[in-house]
Every structure is written in structure tokens, then in C-alpha cells.
Amino acid sequence: MTLVPAVATAQPKADERDRSKGGAMTLAELRQEPVTSRLDFPFAGTDNPRRRLDLYLPRDRKSAKLPVIVFVHSGG
């Protein structure tokens, strides 16, 4: 008897709130979300385009302390 490993894959169900077509939201879609955004925000106090970030904050803050997600992309 020969055993062959089986691989099962399943596509996750699409998030009902994810209205984007290609994974990234358009600015119009982003404006519909319950967040405010500051895109290309210079965080280092310089005009260097490599020292900018996109900042997303909830519109209705109910607490001074909020969870944080930091995504740093270092592609080459």
C-alpha cells in the first residue's frame, strides 16, 4: 500500500466589508470606512520621500488607548 500526502486548500470567504477588487482600496472606498487617513505623512520632519507613512485612525475614538498595527515593508 502506498500513502500519498493530500493537500487541502480552501479559499477564505470574502470579507463583507472588503469592497475592493484587487486587494487595495481606492480613495473613494477608503473614505467610506470608519477611519481617517493621512497619506504620505512626513514622520521624520524632513522632505525625504523615504521618510513618509500612511496613518489610519478611527474616526470615533472612545478611548485614549488604542491597539496598534505597524506594517513595515522593506522590499528591494
C-alpha atoms as a PDB file:
ATOM      1  CA  MET A   1       0.000   0.000   0.000  1.00  0.00           C
ATOM      2  CA  THR A   2       1.303   3.453  -0.941  1.00  0.00           C
ATOM      3  CA  LEU A   3       0.380   6.539   1.026  1.00  0.00           C
ATOM      4  CA  VAL A   4       0.179   9.805  -0.832  1.00  0.00           C
ATOM      5  CA  PRO A   5       0.032  13.057   1.134  1.00  0.00           C
ATOM      6  CA  ALA A   6      -3.109  15.000   0.458  1.00  0.00           C
ATOM      7  CA  VAL A   7      -3.225  18.759   0.384  1.00  0.00           C
ATOM      8  CA  ALA A   8      -6.477  20.500   1.075  1.00  0.00           C
ATOM      9  CA  THR A   9      -6.876  24.135   0.202  1.00  0.00           C
ATOM     10  CA  ALA A  10      -9.850  26.351   0.704  1.00  0.00           C
ATOM     11  CA  GLN A  11     -10.459  29.927  -0.234  1.00  0.00           C
ATOM     12  CA  PRO A  12     -11.473  32.035   2.733  1.00  0.00           C
ATOM     13  CA  LYS A  13     -14.849  33.671   2.472  1.00  0.00           C
ATOM     14  CA  ALA A  14     -14.600  37.246   1.291  1.00  0.00           C
ATOM     15  CA  ASP A  15     -14.957  39.842   3.994  1.00  0.00           C
ATOM     16  CA  GLU A  16     -18.324  41.516   3.515  1.00  0.00           C
ATOM     17  CA  ARG A  17     -16.725  44.922   4.127  1.00  0.00           C
ATOM     18  CA  ASP A  18     -13.953  44.335   1.564  1.00  0.00           C
ATOM     19  CA  ARG A  19     -15.396  46.104  -1.445  1.00  0.00           C
ATOM     20  CA  SER A  20     -12.095  46.280  -3.311  1.00  0.00           C
ATOM     21  CA  LYS A  21     -11.485  44.367  -6.500  1.00  0.00           C
ATOM     22  CA  GLY A  22      -7.733  43.779  -6.383  1.00  0.00           C
ATOM     23  CA  GLY A  23      -6.870  43.767  -2.693  1.00  0.00           C
ATOM     24  CA  ALA A  24      -6.171  47.506  -2.427  1.00  0.00           C
ATOM     25  CA  MET A  25      -8.881  50.047  -1.732  1.00  0.00           C
ATOM     26  CA  THR A  26      -9.434  53.119  -3.840  1.00  0.00           C
ATOM     27  CA  LEU A  27      -9.505  56.510  -2.131  1.00  0.00           C
ATOM     28  CA  ALA A  28     -13.274  56.650  -2.619  1.00  0.00           C
ATOM     29  CA  GLU A  29     -13.645  53.270  -0.866  1.00  0.00           C
ATOM     30  CA  LEU A  30     -11.288  54.331   1.910  1.00  0.00           C
ATOM     31  CA  ARG A  31     -13.362  57.457   2.570  1.00  0.00           C
ATOM     32  CA  GLN A  32     -16.380  55.211   3.241  1.00  0.00           C
ATOM     33  CA  GLU A  33     -14.551  53.377   6.056  1.00  0.00           C
ATOM     34  CA  PRO A  34     -14.874  54.465   9.719  1.00  0.00           C
ATOM     35  CA  VAL A  35     -11.289  55.773   9.705  1.00  0.00           C
ATOM     36  CA  THR A  36      -9.487  58.997   8.950  1.00  0.00           C
ATOM     37  CA  SER A  37      -6.295  58.806   6.957  1.00  0.00           C
ATOM     38  CA  ARG A  38      -3.184  60.885   6.446  1.00  0.00           C
ATOM     39  CA  LEU A  39      -1.386  59.582   3.387  1.00  0.00           C
ATOM     40  CA  ASP A  40       2.315  60.284   2.731  1.00  0.00           C
ATOM     41  CA  PHE A  41       2.687  61.870   6.170  1.00  0.00           C
ATOM     42  CA  PRO A  42       6.311  63.031   6.767  1.00  0.00           C
ATOM     43  CA  PHE A  43       7.168  61.435  10.137  1.00  0.00           C
ATOM     44  CA  ALA A  44      10.842  62.419  10.375  1.00  0.00           C
ATOM     45  CA  GLY A  45      10.468  66.173   9.924  1.00  0.00           C
ATOM     46  CA  THR A  46      12.273  66.131   6.556  1.00  0.00           C
ATOM     47  CA  ASP A  47      11.251  66.317   2.909  1.00  0.00           C
ATOM     48  CA  ASN A  48      12.828  62.919   2.205  1.00  0.00           C
ATOM     49  CA  PRO A  49      10.176  60.813   0.406  1.00  0.00           C
ATOM     50  CA  ARG A  50      11.546  57.689   2.097  1.00  0.00           C
ATOM     51  CA  ARG A  51      10.549  59.094   5.476  1.00  0.00           C
ATOM     52  CA  ARG A  52       6.802  59.112   4.954  1.00  0.00           C
ATOM     53  CA  LEU A  53       3.999  56.898   6.201  1.00  0.00           C
ATOM     54  CA  ASP A  54       0.286  56.343   5.793  1.00  0.00           C
ATOM     55  CA  LEU A  55      -1.554  56.843   9.080  1.00  0.00           C
ATOM     56  CA  TYR A  56      -5.056  55.449   9.693  1.00  0.00           C
ATOM     57  CA  LEU A  57      -7.004  56.373  12.836  1.00  0.00           C
ATOM     58  CA  PRO A  58     -10.581  55.565  13.906  1.00  0.00           C
ATOM     59  CA  ARG A  59     -12.980  58.448  13.388  1.00  0.00           C
ATOM     60  CA  ASP A  60     -14.809  57.907  16.672  1.00  0.00           C
ATOM     61  CA  ARG A  61     -12.198  57.301  19.344  1.00  0.00           C
ATOM     62  CA  LYS A  62     -13.807  56.017  22.513  1.00  0.00           C
ATOM     63  CA  SER A  63     -10.556  55.561  24.418  1.00  0.00           C
ATOM     64  CA  ALA A  64      -7.178  57.265  24.713  1.00  0.00           C
ATOM     65  CA  LYS A  65      -5.509  53.846  24.407  1.00  0.00           C
ATOM     66  CA  LEU A  66      -5.950  52.014  21.124  1.00  0.00           C
ATOM     67  CA  PRO A  67      -4.441  48.834  19.685  1.00  0.00           C
ATOM     68  CA  VAL A  68      -1.711  49.434  17.124  1.00  0.00           C
ATOM     69  CA  ILE A  69      -0.763  47.591  13.952  1.00  0.00           C
ATOM     70  CA  VAL A  70       2.547  48.517  12.351  1.00  0.00           C
ATOM     71  CA  PHE A  71       3.371  47.203   8.893  1.00  0.00           C
ATOM     72  CA  VAL A  72       6.902  47.843   7.651  1.00  0.00           C
ATOM     73  CA  HIS A  73       7.598  46.871   4.067  1.00  0.00           C
ATOM     74  CA  SER A  74      11.233  46.577   3.120  1.00  0.00           C
ATOM     75  CA  GLY A  75      11.078  45.447  -0.477  1.00  0.00           C
ATOM     76  CA  GLY A  76      14.022  45.886  -2.773  1.00  0.00           C
END
